Amino acid sequence: MRRRKNASYYILSFFNFIFKIYITIIRGTPTVVQLLICYFMIFSS
């Protein structure tokens, strides 16, 4: 796809980047910290 660089290339690259960041953050931080962030920050209400 890099040789063509059409719309599919940029869309796939974008979502791959998003998911790569997501996986890196989740796997690199403790589960309990993620739970606390969700409870006290994201869904504090």
ModelCIF file with pLDDT and N, C-alpha, C, O atoms, coordinates in Angstrom:
data_MODEL
#
_entry.id   MODEL 
#
_entity.id                         1 
_entity.type                       polymer 
_entity.pdbx_number_of_molecules   1 
#
_entity_poly.entity_id                      1 
_entity_poly.type                           'polypeptide(L)' 
_entity_poly.nstd_linkage                   no 
_entity_poly.nstd_monomer                   no 
_entity_poly.pdbx_seq_one_letter_code       MRRRKNASYYILSFFNFIFKIYITIIRGTPTVVQLLICYFMIFSS 
_entity_poly.pdbx_seq_one_letter_code_can   MRRRKNASYYILSFFNFIFKIYITIIRGTPTVVQLLICYFMIFSS 
_entity_poly.pdbx_strand_id                 A 
#
loop_
_entity_poly_seq.entity_id 
_entity_poly_seq.num 
_entity_poly_seq.mon_id 
_entity_poly_seq.hetero 
1 1  MET n 
1 2  ARG n 
1 3  ARG n 
1 4  ARG n 
1 5  LYS n 
1 6  ASN n 
1 7  ALA n 
1 8  SER n 
1 9  TYR n 
1 10 TYR n 
1 11 ILE n 
1 12 LEU n 
1 13 SER n 
1 14 PHE n 
1 15 PHE n 
1 16 ASN n 
1 17 PHE n 
1 18 ILE n 
1 19 PHE n 
1 20 LYS n 
1 21 ILE n 
1 22 TYR n 
1 23 ILE n 
1 24 THR n 
1 25 ILE n 
1 26 ILE n 
1 27 ARG n 
1 28 GLY n 
1 29 THR n 
1 30 PRO n 
1 31 THR n 
1 32 VAL n 
1 33 VAL n 
1 34 GLN n 
1 35 LEU n 
1 36 LEU n 
1 37 ILE n 
1 38 CYS n 
1 39 TYR n 
1 40 PHE n 
1 41 MET n 
1 42 ILE n 
1 43 PHE n 
1 44 SER n 
1 45 SER n 
#
_struct_asym.id          A 
_struct_asym.entity_id   1 
#
loop_
_ma_qa_metric.id 
_ma_qa_metric.mode 
_ma_qa_metric.name 
_ma_qa_metric.software_group_id 
_ma_qa_metric.type 
1 global pLDDT . pLDDT 
2 local  pLDDT . pLDDT 
#
_ma_qa_metric_global.metric_id      1 
_ma_qa_metric_global.metric_value   89.40 
_ma_qa_metric_global.model_id       1 
_ma_qa_metric_global.ordinal_id     1 
#
loop_
_ma_qa_metric_local.label_asym_id 
_ma_qa_metric_local.label_comp_id 
_ma_qa_metric_local.label_seq_id 
_ma_qa_metric_local.metric_id 
_ma_qa_metric_local.metric_value 
_ma_qa_metric_local.model_id 
_ma_qa_metric_local.ordinal_id 
A MET 1  2 71.00 1 1  
A ARG 2  2 72.00 1 2  
A ARG 3  2 71.00 1 3  
A ARG 4  2 71.00 1 4  
A LYS 5  2 72.00 1 5  
A ASN 6  2 74.00 1 6  
A ALA 7  2 79.00 1 7  
A SER 8  2 77.00 1 8  
A TYR 9  2 78.00 1 9  
A TYR 10 2 85.00 1 10 
A ILE 11 2 87.00 1 11 
A LEU 12 2 87.00 1 12 
A SER 13 2 89.00 1 13 
A PHE 14 2 92.00 1 14 
A PHE 15 2 93.00 1 15 
A ASN 16 2 93.00 1 16 
A PHE 17 2 94.00 1 17 
A ILE 18 2 96.00 1 18 
A PHE 19 2 96.00 1 19 
A LYS 20 2 95.00 1 20 
A ILE 21 2 96.00 1 21 
A TYR 22 2 97.00 1 22 
A ILE 23 2 96.00 1 23 
A THR 24 2 96.00 1 24 
A ILE 25 2 96.00 1 25 
A ILE 26 2 96.00 1 26 
A ARG 27 2 95.00 1 27 
A GLY 28 2 95.00 1 28 
A THR 29 2 96.00 1 29 
A PRO 30 2 96.00 1 30 
A THR 31 2 95.00 1 31 
A VAL 32 2 95.00 1 32 
A VAL 33 2 96.00 1 33 
A GLN 34 2 96.00 1 34 
A LEU 35 2 95.00 1 35 
A LEU 36 2 95.00 1 36 
A ILE 37 2 95.00 1 37 
A CYS 38 2 95.00 1 38 
A TYR 39 2 93.00 1 39 
A PHE 40 2 92.00 1 40 
A MET 41 2 91.00 1 41 
A ILE 42 2 91.00 1 42 
A PHE 43 2 91.00 1 43 
A SER 44 2 86.00 1 44 
A SER 45 2 86.00 1 45 
#
loop_
_atom_site.group_PDB 
_atom_site.id 
_atom_site.type_symbol 
_atom_site.label_atom_id 
_atom_site.label_alt_id 
_atom_site.label_comp_id 
_atom_site.label_asym_id 
_atom_site.label_entity_id 
_atom_site.label_seq_id 
_atom_site.pdbx_PDB_ins_code 
_atom_site.Cartn_x 
_atom_site.Cartn_y 
_atom_site.Cartn_z 
_atom_site.occupancy 
_atom_site.B_iso_or_equiv 
_atom_site.pdbx_formal_charge 
_atom_site.auth_seq_id 
_atom_site.auth_comp_id 
_atom_site.auth_asym_id 
_atom_site.auth_atom_id 
_atom_site.pdbx_PDB_model_num 
ATOM 1   N N  . MET A 1 1  ? 0.817   -1.216 0.000  1.00 71.00 ? 1  MET A N  1 
ATOM 2   C CA . MET A 1 1  ? 0.000   0.000  0.000  1.00 71.00 ? 1  MET A CA 1 
ATOM 3   C C  . MET A 1 1  ? 0.851   1.268  0.000  1.00 71.00 ? 1  MET A C  1 
ATOM 4   O O  . MET A 1 1  ? 0.417   2.310  -0.491 1.00 71.00 ? 1  MET A O  1 
ATOM 5   N N  . ARG A 1 2  ? 2.076   1.178  0.556  1.00 72.00 ? 2  ARG A N  1 
ATOM 6   C CA . ARG A 1 2  ? 2.941   2.358  0.611  1.00 72.00 ? 2  ARG A CA 1 
ATOM 7   C C  . ARG A 1 2  ? 3.317   2.824  -0.799 1.00 72.00 ? 2  ARG A C  1 
ATOM 8   O O  . ARG A 1 2  ? 3.499   4.018  -1.037 1.00 72.00 ? 2  ARG A O  1 
ATOM 9   N N  . ARG A 1 3  ? 3.431   1.884  -1.716 1.00 71.00 ? 3  ARG A N  1 
ATOM 10  C CA . ARG A 1 3  ? 3.794   2.253  -3.092 1.00 71.00 ? 3  ARG A CA 1 
ATOM 11  C C  . ARG A 1 3  ? 2.675   3.038  -3.766 1.00 71.00 ? 3  ARG A C  1 
ATOM 12  O O  . ARG A 1 3  ? 2.927   3.888  -4.620 1.00 71.00 ? 3  ARG A O  1 
ATOM 13  N N  . ARG A 1 4  ? 1.451   2.749  -3.380 1.00 71.00 ? 4  ARG A N  1 
ATOM 14  C CA . ARG A 1 4  ? 0.318   3.447  -3.997 1.00 71.00 ? 4  ARG A CA 1 
ATOM 15  C C  . ARG A 1 4  ? -0.049  4.724  -3.241 1.00 71.00 ? 4  ARG A C  1 
ATOM 16  O O  . ARG A 1 4  ? -0.376  5.742  -3.851 1.00 71.00 ? 4  ARG A O  1 
ATOM 17  N N  . LYS A 1 5  ? 0.009   4.664  -1.931 1.00 72.00 ? 5  LYS A N  1 
ATOM 18  C CA . LYS A 1 5  ? -0.313  5.789  -1.061 1.00 72.00 ? 5  LYS A CA 1 
ATOM 19  C C  . LYS A 1 5  ? -1.667  6.409  -1.400 1.00 72.00 ? 5  LYS A C  1 
ATOM 20  O O  . LYS A 1 5  ? -1.796  7.617  -1.598 1.00 72.00 ? 5  LYS A O  1 
ATOM 21  N N  . ASN A 1 6  ? -2.672  5.527  -1.458 1.00 74.00 ? 6  ASN A N  1 
ATOM 22  C CA . ASN A 1 6  ? -4.028  6.022  -1.682 1.00 74.00 ? 6  ASN A CA 1 
ATOM 23  C C  . ASN A 1 6  ? -4.705  6.275  -0.335 1.00 74.00 ? 6  ASN A C  1 
ATOM 24  O O  . ASN A 1 6  ? -4.051  6.247  0.707  1.00 74.00 ? 6  ASN A O  1 
ATOM 25  N N  . ALA A 1 7  ? -6.004  6.520  -0.359 1.00 79.00 ? 7  ALA A N  1 
ATOM 26  C CA . ALA A 1 7  ? -6.739  6.831  0.868  1.00 79.00 ? 7  ALA A CA 1 
ATOM 27  C C  . ALA A 1 7  ? -6.697  5.669  1.863  1.00 79.00 ? 7  ALA A C  1 
ATOM 28  O O  . ALA A 1 7  ? -6.619  5.891  3.072  1.00 79.00 ? 7  ALA A O  1 
ATOM 29  N N  . SER A 1 8  ? -6.747  4.438  1.361  1.00 77.00 ? 8  SER A N  1 
ATOM 30  C CA . SER A 1 8  ? -6.713  3.267  2.238  1.00 77.00 ? 8  SER A CA 1 
ATOM 31  C C  . SER A 1 8  ? -5.422  3.209  3.038  1.00 77.00 ? 8  SER A C  1 
ATOM 32  O O  . SER A 1 8  ? -5.419  2.801  4.200  1.00 77.00 ? 8  SER A O  1 
ATOM 33  N N  . TYR A 1 9  ? -4.334  3.617  2.419  1.00 78.00 ? 9  TYR A N  1 
ATOM 34  C CA . TYR A 1 9  ? -3.033  3.617  3.093  1.00 78.00 ? 9  TYR A CA 1 
ATOM 35  C C  . TYR A 1 9  ? -3.049  4.556  4.301  1.00 78.00 ? 9  TYR A C  1 
ATOM 36  O O  . TYR A 1 9  ? -2.595  4.179  5.382  1.00 78.00 ? 9  TYR A O  1 
ATOM 37  N N  . TYR A 1 10 ? -3.556  5.751  4.131  1.00 85.00 ? 10 TYR A N  1 
ATOM 38  C CA . TYR A 1 10 ? -3.563  6.724  5.213  1.00 85.00 ? 10 TYR A CA 1 
ATOM 39  C C  . TYR A 1 10 ? -4.556  6.342  6.310  1.00 85.00 ? 10 TYR A C  1 
ATOM 40  O O  . TYR A 1 10 ? -4.284  6.533  7.496  1.00 85.00 ? 10 TYR A O  1 
ATOM 41  N N  . ILE A 1 11 ? -5.714  5.798  5.906  1.00 87.00 ? 11 ILE A N  1 
ATOM 42  C CA . ILE A 1 11 ? -6.709  5.369  6.902  1.00 87.00 ? 11 ILE A CA 1 
ATOM 43  C C  . ILE A 1 11 ? -6.164  4.229  7.746  1.00 87.00 ? 11 ILE A C  1 
ATOM 44  O O  . ILE A 1 11 ? -6.261  4.250  8.973  1.00 87.00 ? 11 ILE A O  1 
ATOM 45  N N  . LEU A 1 12 ? -5.584  3.224  7.074  1.00 87.00 ? 12 LEU A N  1 
ATOM 46  C CA . LEU A 1 12 ? -5.033  2.080  7.795  1.00 87.00 ? 12 LEU A CA 1 
ATOM 47  C C  . LEU A 1 12 ? -3.878  2.493  8.692  1.00 87.00 ? 12 LEU A C  1 
ATOM 48  O O  . LEU A 1 12 ? -3.764  2.014  9.820  1.00 87.00 ? 12 LEU A O  1 
ATOM 49  N N  . SER A 1 13 ? -3.023  3.376  8.201  1.00 89.00 ? 13 SER A N  1 
ATOM 50  C CA . SER A 1 13 ? -1.887  3.855  8.997  1.00 89.00 ? 13 SER A CA 1 
ATOM 51  C C  . SER A 1 13 ? -2.359  4.608  10.236 1.00 89.00 ? 13 SER A C  1 
ATOM 52  O O  . SER A 1 13 ? -1.787  4.466  11.317 1.00 89.00 ? 13 SER A O  1 
ATOM 53  N N  . PHE A 1 14 ? -3.408  5.412  10.067 1.00 92.00 ? 14 PHE A N  1 
ATOM 54  C CA . PHE A 1 14 ? -3.937  6.182  11.192 1.00 92.00 ? 14 PHE A CA 1 
ATOM 55  C C  . PHE A 1 14 ? -4.476  5.262  12.287 1.00 92.00 ? 14 PHE A C  1 
ATOM 56  O O  . PHE A 1 14 ? -4.126  5.408  13.459 1.00 92.00 ? 14 PHE A O  1 
ATOM 57  N N  . PHE A 1 15 ? -5.329  4.317  11.897 1.00 93.00 ? 15 PHE A N  1 
ATOM 58  C CA . PHE A 1 15 ? -5.915  3.429  12.901 1.00 93.00 ? 15 PHE A CA 1 
ATOM 59  C C  . PHE A 1 15 ? -4.869  2.493  13.504 1.00 93.00 ? 15 PHE A C  1 
ATOM 60  O O  . PHE A 1 15 ? -4.946  2.162  14.687 1.00 93.00 ? 15 PHE A O  1 
ATOM 61  N N  . ASN A 1 16 ? -3.904  2.070  12.714 1.00 93.00 ? 16 ASN A N  1 
ATOM 62  C CA . ASN A 1 16 ? -2.823  1.256  13.265 1.00 93.00 ? 16 ASN A CA 1 
ATOM 63  C C  . ASN A 1 16 ? -2.045  2.033  14.330 1.00 93.00 ? 16 ASN A C  1 
ATOM 64  O O  . ASN A 1 16 ? -1.675  1.480  15.366 1.00 93.00 ? 16 ASN A O  1 
ATOM 65  N N  . PHE A 1 17 ? -1.801  3.314  14.066 1.00 94.00 ? 17 PHE A N  1 
ATOM 66  C CA . PHE A 1 17 ? -1.093  4.158  15.028 1.00 94.00 ? 17 PHE A CA 1 
ATOM 67  C C  . PHE A 1 17 ? -1.896  4.298  16.320 1.00 94.00 ? 17 PHE A C  1 
ATOM 68  O O  . PHE A 1 17 ? -1.345  4.195  17.415 1.00 94.00 ? 17 PHE A O  1 
ATOM 69  N N  . ILE A 1 18 ? -3.202  4.533  16.183 1.00 96.00 ? 18 ILE A N  1 
ATOM 70  C CA . ILE A 1 18 ? -4.066  4.685  17.361 1.00 96.00 ? 18 ILE A CA 1 
ATOM 71  C C  . ILE A 1 18 ? -4.058  3.406  18.199 1.00 96.00 ? 18 ILE A C  1 
ATOM 72  O O  . ILE A 1 18 ? -3.887  3.457  19.417 1.00 96.00 ? 18 ILE A O  1 
ATOM 73  N N  . PHE A 1 19 ? -4.243  2.264  17.543 1.00 96.00 ? 19 PHE A N  1 
ATOM 74  C CA . PHE A 1 19 ? -4.285  1.000  18.276 1.00 96.00 ? 19 PHE A CA 1 
ATOM 75  C C  . PHE A 1 19 ? -2.925  0.640  18.868 1.00 96.00 ? 19 PHE A C  1 
ATOM 76  O O  . PHE A 1 19 ? -2.851  0.032  19.936 1.00 96.00 ? 19 PHE A O  1 
ATOM 77  N N  . LYS A 1 20 ? -1.864  1.010  18.186 1.00 95.00 ? 20 LYS A N  1 
ATOM 78  C CA . LYS A 1 20 ? -0.530  0.737  18.710 1.00 95.00 ? 20 LYS A CA 1 
ATOM 79  C C  . LYS A 1 20 ? -0.281  1.532  19.991 1.00 95.00 ? 20 LYS A C  1 
ATOM 80  O O  . LYS A 1 20 ? 0.271   1.003  20.956 1.00 95.00 ? 20 LYS A O  1 
ATOM 81  N N  . ILE A 1 21 ? -0.688  2.803  19.999 1.00 96.00 ? 21 ILE A N  1 
ATOM 82  C CA . ILE A 1 21 ? -0.559  3.628  21.201 1.00 96.00 ? 21 ILE A CA 1 
ATOM 83  C C  . ILE A 1 21 ? -1.406  3.049  22.334 1.00 96.00 ? 21 ILE A C  1 
ATOM 84  O O  . ILE A 1 21 ? -0.951  2.942  23.472 1.00 96.00 ? 21 ILE A O  1 
ATOM 85  N N  . TYR A 1 22 ? -2.640  2.680  22.004 1.00 97.00 ? 22 TYR A N  1 
ATOM 86  C CA . TYR A 1 22 ? -3.548  2.090  22.993 1.00 97.00 ? 22 TYR A CA 1 
ATOM 87  C C  . TYR A 1 22 ? -2.955  0.835  23.624 1.00 97.00 ? 22 TYR A C  1 
ATOM 88  O O  . TYR A 1 22 ? -2.961  0.690  24.846 1.00 97.00 ? 22 TYR A O  1 
ATOM 89  N N  . ILE A 1 23 ? -2.450  -0.060 22.805 1.00 96.00 ? 23 ILE A N  1 
ATOM 90  C CA . ILE A 1 23 ? -1.882  -1.313 23.311 1.00 96.00 ? 23 ILE A CA 1 
ATOM 91  C C  . ILE A 1 23 ? -0.637  -1.041 24.150 1.00 96.00 ? 23 ILE A C  1 
ATOM 92  O O  . ILE A 1 23 ? -0.434  -1.673 25.187 1.00 96.00 ? 23 ILE A O  1 
ATOM 93  N N  . THR A 1 24 ? 0.187   -0.113 23.709 1.00 96.00 ? 24 THR A N  1 
ATOM 94  C CA . THR A 1 24 ? 1.402   0.216  24.453 1.00 96.00 ? 24 THR A CA 1 
ATOM 95  C C  . THR A 1 24 ? 1.075   0.766  25.834 1.00 96.00 ? 24 THR A C  1 
ATOM 96  O O  . THR A 1 24 ? 1.690   0.367  26.822 1.00 96.00 ? 24 THR A O  1 
ATOM 97  N N  . ILE A 1 25 ? 0.114   1.675  25.908 1.00 96.00 ? 25 ILE A N  1 
ATOM 98  C CA . ILE A 1 25 ? -0.259  2.286  27.186 1.00 96.00 ? 25 ILE A CA 1 
ATOM 99  C C  . ILE A 1 25 ? -0.880  1.252  28.128 1.00 96.00 ? 25 ILE A C  1 
ATOM 100 O O  . ILE A 1 25 ? -0.519  1.177  29.302 1.00 96.00 ? 25 ILE A O  1 
ATOM 101 N N  . ILE A 1 26 ? -1.804  0.467  27.610 1.00 96.00 ? 26 ILE A N  1 
ATOM 102 C CA . ILE A 1 26 ? -2.508  -0.499 28.454 1.00 96.00 ? 26 ILE A CA 1 
ATOM 103 C C  . ILE A 1 26 ? -1.557  -1.576 28.964 1.00 96.00 ? 26 ILE A C  1 
ATOM 104 O O  . ILE A 1 26 ? -1.604  -1.932 30.141 1.00 96.00 ? 26 ILE A O  1 
ATOM 105 N N  . ARG A 1 27 ? -0.704  -2.092 28.103 1.00 95.00 ? 27 ARG A N  1 
ATOM 106 C CA . ARG A 1 27 ? 0.209   -3.151 28.522 1.00 95.00 ? 27 ARG A CA 1 
ATOM 107 C C  . ARG A 1 27 ? 1.358   -2.614 29.375 1.00 95.00 ? 27 ARG A C  1 
ATOM 108 O O  . ARG A 1 27 ? 2.021   -3.378 30.076 1.00 95.00 ? 27 ARG A O  1 
ATOM 109 N N  . GLY A 1 28 ? 1.591   -1.313 29.319 1.00 95.00 ? 28 GLY A N  1 
ATOM 110 C CA . GLY A 1 28 ? 2.710   -0.739 30.046 1.00 95.00 ? 28 GLY A CA 1 
ATOM 111 C C  . GLY A 1 28 ? 2.360   -0.123 31.388 1.00 95.00 ? 28 GLY A C  1 
ATOM 112 O O  . GLY A 1 28 ? 3.239   0.384  32.086 1.00 95.00 ? 28 GLY A O  1 
ATOM 113 N N  . THR A 1 29 ? 1.070   -0.162 31.762 1.00 96.00 ? 29 THR A N  1 
ATOM 114 C CA . THR A 1 29 ? 0.650   0.413  33.043 1.00 96.00 ? 29 THR A CA 1 
ATOM 115 C C  . THR A 1 29 ? -0.111  -0.635 33.851 1.00 96.00 ? 29 THR A C  1 
ATOM 116 O O  . THR A 1 29 ? -0.749  -1.513 33.271 1.00 96.00 ? 29 THR A O  1 
ATOM 117 N N  . PRO A 1 30 ? -0.053  -0.556 35.189 1.00 96.00 ? 30 PRO A N  1 
ATOM 118 C CA . PRO A 1 30 ? -0.745  -1.543 36.028 1.00 96.00 ? 30 PRO A CA 1 
ATOM 119 C C  . PRO A 1 30 ? -2.268  -1.475 35.863 1.00 96.00 ? 30 PRO A C  1 
ATOM 120 O O  . PRO A 1 30 ? -2.840  -0.404 35.660 1.00 96.00 ? 30 PRO A O  1 
ATOM 121 N N  . THR A 1 31 ? -2.897  -2.630 35.954 1.00 95.00 ? 31 THR A N  1 
ATOM 122 C CA . THR A 1 31 ? -4.346  -2.697 35.819 1.00 95.00 ? 31 THR A CA 1 
ATOM 123 C C  . THR A 1 31 ? -5.045  -1.881 36.896 1.00 95.00 ? 31 THR A C  1 
ATOM 124 O O  . THR A 1 31 ? -6.050  -1.221 36.629 1.00 95.00 ? 31 THR A O  1 
ATOM 125 N N  . VAL A 1 32 ? -4.517  -1.925 38.106 1.00 95.00 ? 32 VAL A N  1 
ATOM 126 C CA . VAL A 1 32 ? -5.164  -1.206 39.198 1.00 95.00 ? 32 VAL A CA 1 
ATOM 127 C C  . VAL A 1 32 ? -5.124  0.300  38.962 1.00 95.00 ? 32 VAL A C  1 
ATOM 128 O O  . VAL A 1 32 ? -6.062  1.009  39.326 1.00 95.00 ? 32 VAL A O  1 
ATOM 129 N N  . VAL A 1 33 ? -4.044  0.793  38.357 1.00 96.00 ? 33 VAL A N  1 
ATOM 130 C CA . VAL A 1 33 ? -3.955  2.225  38.048 1.00 96.00 ? 33 VAL A CA 1 
ATOM 131 C C  . VAL A 1 33 ? -4.990  2.584  36.979 1.00 96.00 ? 33 VAL A C  1 
ATOM 132 O O  . VAL A 1 33 ? -5.625  3.635  37.065 1.00 96.00 ? 33 VAL A O  1 
ATOM 133 N N  . GLN A 1 34 ? -5.163  1.733  35.986 1.00 96.00 ? 34 GLN A N  1 
ATOM 134 C CA . GLN A 1 34 ? -6.168  1.965  34.951 1.00 96.00 ? 34 GLN A CA 1 
ATOM 135 C C  . GLN A 1 34 ? -7.567  2.003  35.559 1.00 96.00 ? 34 GLN A C  1 
ATOM 136 O O  . GLN A 1 34 ? -8.394  2.835  35.185 1.00 96.00 ? 34 GLN A O  1 
ATOM 137 N N  . LEU A 1 35 ? -7.821  1.098  36.497 1.00 95.00 ? 35 LEU A N  1 
ATOM 138 C CA . LEU A 1 35 ? -9.123  1.068  37.171 1.00 95.00 ? 35 LEU A CA 1 
ATOM 139 C C  . LEU A 1 35 ? -9.363  2.352  37.953 1.00 95.00 ? 35 LEU A C  1 
ATOM 140 O O  . LEU A 1 35 ? -10.455 2.918  37.907 1.00 95.00 ? 35 LEU A O  1 
ATOM 141 N N  . LEU A 1 36 ? -8.352  2.809  38.665 1.00 95.00 ? 36 LEU A N  1 
ATOM 142 C CA . LEU A 1 36 ? -8.480  4.039  39.456 1.00 95.00 ? 36 LEU A CA 1 
ATOM 143 C C  . LEU A 1 36 ? -8.678  5.263  38.568 1.00 95.00 ? 36 LEU A C  1 
ATOM 144 O O  . LEU A 1 36 ? -9.455  6.157  38.906 1.00 95.00 ? 36 LEU A O  1 
ATOM 145 N N  . ILE A 1 37 ? -7.977  5.309  37.432 1.00 95.00 ? 37 ILE A N  1 
ATOM 146 C CA . ILE A 1 37 ? -8.146  6.420  36.496 1.00 95.00 ? 37 ILE A CA 1 
ATOM 147 C C  . ILE A 1 37 ? -9.575  6.449  35.950 1.00 95.00 ? 37 ILE A C  1 
ATOM 148 O O  . ILE A 1 37 ? -10.196 7.509  35.863 1.00 95.00 ? 37 ILE A O  1 
ATOM 149 N N  . CYS A 1 38 ? -10.085 5.275  35.587 1.00 95.00 ? 38 CYS A N  1 
ATOM 150 C CA . CYS A 1 38 ? -11.449 5.207  35.058 1.00 95.00 ? 38 CYS A CA 1 
ATOM 151 C C  . CYS A 1 38 ? -12.470 5.642  36.108 1.00 95.00 ? 38 CYS A C  1 
ATOM 152 O O  . CYS A 1 38 ? -13.433 6.342  35.795 1.00 95.00 ? 38 CYS A O  1 
ATOM 153 N N  . TYR A 1 39 ? -12.254 5.225  37.346 1.00 93.00 ? 39 TYR A N  1 
ATOM 154 C CA . TYR A 1 39 ? -13.250 5.496  38.394 1.00 93.00 ? 39 TYR A CA 1 
ATOM 155 C C  . TYR A 1 39 ? -13.187 6.926  38.906 1.00 93.00 ? 39 TYR A C  1 
ATOM 156 O O  . TYR A 1 39 ? -14.223 7.569  39.072 1.00 93.00 ? 39 TYR A O  1 
ATOM 157 N N  . PHE A 1 40 ? -11.980 7.434  39.159 1.00 92.00 ? 40 PHE A N  1 
ATOM 158 C CA . PHE A 1 40 ? -11.834 8.747  39.781 1.00 92.00 ? 40 PHE A CA 1 
ATOM 159 C C  . PHE A 1 40 ? -11.649 9.889  38.788 1.00 92.00 ? 40 PHE A C  1 
ATOM 160 O O  . PHE A 1 40 ? -11.762 11.055 39.165 1.00 92.00 ? 40 PHE A O  1 
ATOM 161 N N  . MET A 1 41 ? -11.363 9.570  37.516 1.00 91.00 ? 41 MET A N  1 
ATOM 162 C CA . MET A 1 41 ? -11.145 10.629 36.534 1.00 91.00 ? 41 MET A CA 1 
ATOM 163 C C  . MET A 1 41 ? -12.162 10.585 35.404 1.00 91.00 ? 41 MET A C  1 
ATOM 164 O O  . MET A 1 41 ? -12.898 11.550 35.200 1.00 91.00 ? 41 MET A O  1 
ATOM 165 N N  . ILE A 1 42 ? -12.213 9.481  34.669 1.00 91.00 ? 42 ILE A N  1 
ATOM 166 C CA . ILE A 1 42 ? -13.063 9.418  33.485 1.00 91.00 ? 42 ILE A CA 1 
ATOM 167 C C  . ILE A 1 42 ? -14.540 9.361  33.855 1.00 91.00 ? 42 ILE A C  1 
ATOM 168 O O  . ILE A 1 42 ? -15.358 10.070 33.269 1.00 91.00 ? 42 ILE A O  1 
ATOM 169 N N  . PHE A 1 43 ? -14.886 8.509  34.840 1.00 91.00 ? 43 PHE A N  1 
ATOM 170 C CA . PHE A 1 43 ? -16.283 8.348  35.240 1.00 91.00 ? 43 PHE A CA 1 
ATOM 171 C C  . PHE A 1 43 ? -16.475 8.788  36.690 1.00 91.00 ? 43 PHE A C  1 
ATOM 172 O O  . PHE A 1 43 ? -17.140 8.102  37.466 1.00 91.00 ? 43 PHE A O  1 
ATOM 173 N N  . SER A 1 44 ? -15.906 9.909  37.046 1.00 86.00 ? 44 SER A N  1 
ATOM 174 C CA . SER A 1 44 ? -15.943 10.369 38.436 1.00 86.00 ? 44 SER A CA 1 
ATOM 175 C C  . SER A 1 44 ? -17.356 10.683 38.925 1.00 86.00 ? 44 SER A C  1 
ATOM 176 O O  . SER A 1 44 ? -17.611 10.665 40.130 1.00 86.00 ? 44 SER A O  1 
ATOM 177 N N  . SER A 1 45 ? -18.266 10.967 38.013 1.00 86.00 ? 45 SER A N  1 
ATOM 178 C CA . SER A 1 45 ? -19.638 11.311 38.414 1.00 86.00 ? 45 SER A CA 1 
ATOM 179 C C  . SER A 1 45 ? -20.509 10.076 38.619 1.00 86.00 ? 45 SER A C  1 
ATOM 180 O O  . SER A 1 45 ? -21.686 10.200 38.957 1.00 86.00 ? 45 SER A O  1 
#
